[in-house]
Amino acid sequence: MEDSDASLSLFRWAKRQPWYKPNDACYITLFDKLNQSRDFDGIQSVFDDMVLDSGENGASSLFNAYNRVIQYLAKAEKFEVAFCCFKKIQESGCIVDTGTYNSLYHRVPK
């Protein structure tokens, strides 16, 4: 089992516990680990769960994690997925920062 698989399994287990509520820093750590192992399916899966769960915590409390996902996907040239995630972020009411716009804009093929 890879490190990212173990991290994702632990995270999913913890999320099922009534006492655990993941925060921005937790998501960022997991996204960093998944990105290091180039597990973009894992990033997308966690991102989708995060968007669904953000109604409870508020989208703005996950601002940095949202932006990190877009930056990783754009850097990996997963443009279609990055734009879909970008759209979901906007629909959730979260504000996207200039760095995220730039990471999308500068990496799109011209």
C-alpha atoms as a PDB file:
ATOM      1  CA  MET A   1       0.000   0.000   0.000  1.00  0.00           C
ATOM      2  CA  GLU A   2       1.391   3.391  -0.989  1.00  0.00           C
ATOM      3  CA  ASP A   3       1.674   6.246   1.467  1.00  0.00           C
ATOM      4  CA  SER A   4      -1.089   8.142  -0.305  1.00  0.00           C
ATOM      5  CA  ASP A   5      -3.376   5.076  -0.159  1.00  0.00           C
ATOM      6  CA  ALA A   6      -2.765   4.755   3.570  1.00  0.00           C
ATOM      7  CA  SER A   7      -3.370   8.468   4.084  1.00  0.00           C
ATOM      8  CA  LEU A   8      -6.594   8.363   2.100  1.00  0.00           C
ATOM      9  CA  SER A   9      -7.820   5.279   3.977  1.00  0.00           C
ATOM     10  CA  LEU A  10      -7.079   6.879   7.333  1.00  0.00           C
ATOM     11  CA  PHE A  11      -8.789  10.098   6.278  1.00  0.00           C
ATOM     12  CA  ARG A  12     -11.914   8.282   5.076  1.00  0.00           C
ATOM     13  CA  TRP A  13     -12.024   6.269   8.299  1.00  0.00           C
ATOM     14  CA  ALA A  14     -11.662   9.412  10.420  1.00  0.00           C
ATOM     15  CA  LYS A  15     -14.439  11.165   8.489  1.00  0.00           C
ATOM     16  CA  ARG A  16     -16.839   8.410   9.522  1.00  0.00           C
ATOM     17  CA  GLN A  17     -16.149   9.095  13.192  1.00  0.00           C
ATOM     18  CA  PRO A  18     -18.681  11.369  14.896  1.00  0.00           C
ATOM     19  CA  TRP A  19     -15.948  13.357  16.635  1.00  0.00           C
ATOM     20  CA  TYR A  20     -13.967  14.223  13.500  1.00  0.00           C
ATOM     21  CA  LYS A  21     -14.537  17.258  11.276  1.00  0.00           C
ATOM     22  CA  PRO A  22     -11.773  17.836   8.700  1.00  0.00           C
ATOM     23  CA  ASN A  23     -10.560  21.401   8.327  1.00  0.00           C
ATOM     24  CA  ASP A  24      -8.675  23.324   5.665  1.00  0.00           C
ATOM     25  CA  ALA A  25      -5.239  22.263   6.953  1.00  0.00           C
ATOM     26  CA  CYS A  26      -6.210  18.588   7.020  1.00  0.00           C
ATOM     27  CA  TYR A  27      -7.471  18.696   3.436  1.00  0.00           C
ATOM     28  CA  ILE A  28      -4.330  20.523   2.288  1.00  0.00           C
ATOM     29  CA  THR A  29      -2.101  17.878   3.890  1.00  0.00           C
ATOM     30  CA  LEU A  30      -4.059  15.108   2.174  1.00  0.00           C
ATOM     31  CA  PHE A  31      -4.017  16.912  -1.195  1.00  0.00           C
ATOM     32  CA  ASP A  32      -0.258  17.431  -0.860  1.00  0.00           C
ATOM     33  CA  LYS A  33       0.255  13.708  -0.224  1.00  0.00           C
ATOM     34  CA  LEU A  34      -2.015  12.694  -3.122  1.00  0.00           C
ATOM     35  CA  ASN A  35      -0.292  15.164  -5.451  1.00  0.00           C
ATOM     36  CA  GLN A  36       3.163  13.859  -4.512  1.00  0.00           C
ATOM     37  CA  SER A  37       2.097  10.386  -5.640  1.00  0.00           C
ATOM     38  CA  ARG A  38       0.341  11.826  -8.723  1.00  0.00           C
ATOM     39  CA  ASP A  39      -2.996  10.385  -7.573  1.00  0.00           C
ATOM     40  CA  PHE A  40      -5.255  12.821  -9.402  1.00  0.00           C
ATOM     41  CA  ASP A  41      -8.257  10.500  -9.188  1.00  0.00           C
ATOM     42  CA  GLY A  42      -7.825  10.564  -5.416  1.00  0.00           C
ATOM     43  CA  ILE A  43      -7.588  14.360  -5.445  1.00  0.00           C
ATOM     44  CA  GLN A  44     -10.774  14.620  -7.480  1.00  0.00           C
ATOM     45  CA  SER A  45     -12.597  12.133  -5.254  1.00  0.00           C
ATOM     46  CA  VAL A  46     -11.641  13.937  -2.035  1.00  0.00           C
ATOM     47  CA  PHE A  47     -12.452  17.276  -3.652  1.00  0.00           C
ATOM     48  CA  ASP A  48     -15.957  16.093  -4.600  1.00  0.00           C
ATOM     49  CA  ASP A  49     -16.540  14.843  -1.048  1.00  0.00           C
ATOM     50  CA  MET A  50     -15.205  18.122   0.327  1.00  0.00           C
ATOM     51  CA  VAL A  51     -17.647  20.136  -1.786  1.00  0.00           C
ATOM     52  CA  LEU A  52     -20.556  17.984  -0.603  1.00  0.00           C
ATOM     53  CA  ASP A  53     -19.467  18.304   3.020  1.00  0.00           C
ATOM     54  CA  SER A  54     -18.759  22.047   2.803  1.00  0.00           C
ATOM     55  CA  GLY A  55     -22.427  22.847   3.390  1.00  0.00           C
ATOM     56  CA  GLU A  56     -21.883  21.838   7.009  1.00  0.00           C
ATOM     57  CA  ASN A  57     -18.605  23.714   7.508  1.00  0.00           C
ATOM     58  CA  GLY A  58     -19.060  26.566   5.063  1.00  0.00           C
ATOM     59  CA  ALA A  59     -17.239  26.778   1.766  1.00  0.00           C
ATOM     60  CA  SER A  60     -15.127  29.757   2.780  1.00  0.00           C
ATOM     61  CA  SER A  61     -13.552  27.799   5.643  1.00  0.00           C
ATOM     62  CA  LEU A  62     -11.955  25.522   3.016  1.00  0.00           C
ATOM     63  CA  PHE A  63     -10.637  28.339   0.828  1.00  0.00           C
ATOM     64  CA  ASN A  64      -6.987  27.231   0.755  1.00  0.00           C
ATOM     65  CA  ALA A  65      -7.797  23.572   0.130  1.00  0.00           C
ATOM     66  CA  TYR A  66     -10.062  24.482  -2.789  1.00  0.00           C
ATOM     67  CA  ASN A  67      -7.364  26.615  -4.332  1.00  0.00           C
ATOM     68  CA  ARG A  68      -4.690  23.971  -3.806  1.00  0.00           C
ATOM     69  CA  VAL A  69      -6.737  21.434  -5.803  1.00  0.00           C
ATOM     70  CA  ILE A  70      -7.068  23.802  -8.767  1.00  0.00           C
ATOM     71  CA  GLN A  71      -3.367  24.593  -8.708  1.00  0.00           C
ATOM     72  CA  TYR A  72      -2.332  20.920  -8.613  1.00  0.00           C
ATOM     73  CA  LEU A  73      -4.717  19.893 -11.379  1.00  0.00           C
ATOM     74  CA  ALA A  74      -3.714  22.791 -13.622  1.00  0.00           C
ATOM     75  CA  LYS A  75      -0.027  22.121 -13.089  1.00  0.00           C
ATOM     76  CA  ALA A  76      -0.613  18.467 -14.052  1.00  0.00           C
ATOM     77  CA  GLU A  77      -2.381  19.675 -17.211  1.00  0.00           C
ATOM     78  CA  LYS A  78      -5.686  18.153 -16.095  1.00  0.00           C
ATOM     79  CA  PHE A  79      -7.464  21.203 -17.498  1.00  0.00           C
ATOM     80  CA  GLU A  80     -10.951  19.795 -17.941  1.00  0.00           C
ATOM     81  CA  VAL A  81     -11.004  18.461 -14.393  1.00  0.00           C
ATOM     82  CA  ALA A  82      -9.476  21.699 -13.071  1.00  0.00           C
ATOM     83  CA  PHE A  83     -12.175  23.805 -14.750  1.00  0.00           C
ATOM     84  CA  CYS A  84     -14.934  21.518 -13.472  1.00  0.00           C
ATOM     85  CA  CYS A  85     -13.549  21.870  -9.945  1.00  0.00           C
ATOM     86  CA  PHE A  86     -13.198  25.618 -10.443  1.00  0.00           C
ATOM     87  CA  LYS A  87     -16.852  25.836 -11.416  1.00  0.00           C
ATOM     88  CA  LYS A  88     -17.909  23.793  -8.371  1.00  0.00           C
ATOM     89  CA  ILE A  89     -15.911  26.115  -6.140  1.00  0.00           C
ATOM     90  CA  GLN A  90     -17.646  29.167  -7.562  1.00  0.00           C
ATOM     91  CA  GLU A  91     -21.063  27.500  -7.255  1.00  0.00           C
ATOM     92  CA  SER A  92     -20.351  26.734  -3.606  1.00  0.00           C
ATOM     93  CA  GLY A  93     -19.940  30.464  -2.962  1.00  0.00           C
ATOM     94  CA  CYS A  94     -16.245  30.332  -2.182  1.00  0.00           C
ATOM     95  CA  ILE A  95     -14.073  33.159  -3.446  1.00  0.00           C
ATOM     96  CA  VAL A  96     -11.185  32.116  -5.668  1.00  0.00           C
ATOM     97  CA  ASP A  97      -7.965  34.075  -5.263  1.00  0.00           C
ATOM     98  CA  THR A  98      -5.737  35.624  -7.912  1.00  0.00           C
ATOM     99  CA  GLY A  99      -3.175  32.839  -7.598  1.00  0.00           C
ATOM    100  CA  THR A 100      -5.773  30.280  -8.593  1.00  0.00           C
ATOM    101  CA  TYR A 101      -6.912  32.315 -11.583  1.00  0.00           C
ATOM    102  CA  ASN A 102      -3.281  32.692 -12.610  1.00  0.00           C
ATOM    103  CA  SER A 103      -2.552  28.983 -12.251  1.00  0.00           C
ATOM    104  CA  LEU A 104      -5.434  28.230 -14.624  1.00  0.00           C
ATOM    105  CA  TYR A 105      -4.697  31.046 -17.058  1.00  0.00           C
ATOM    106  CA  HIS A 106      -0.942  30.472 -17.397  1.00  0.00           C
ATOM    107  CA  ARG A 107      -1.192  26.722 -17.826  1.00  0.00           C
ATOM    108  CA  VAL A 108      -3.955  26.569 -20.435  1.00  0.00           C
ATOM    109  CA  PRO A 109      -2.551  25.721 -23.856  1.00  0.00           C
ATOM    110  CA  LYS A 110      -2.528  28.720 -26.130  1.00  0.00           C
END
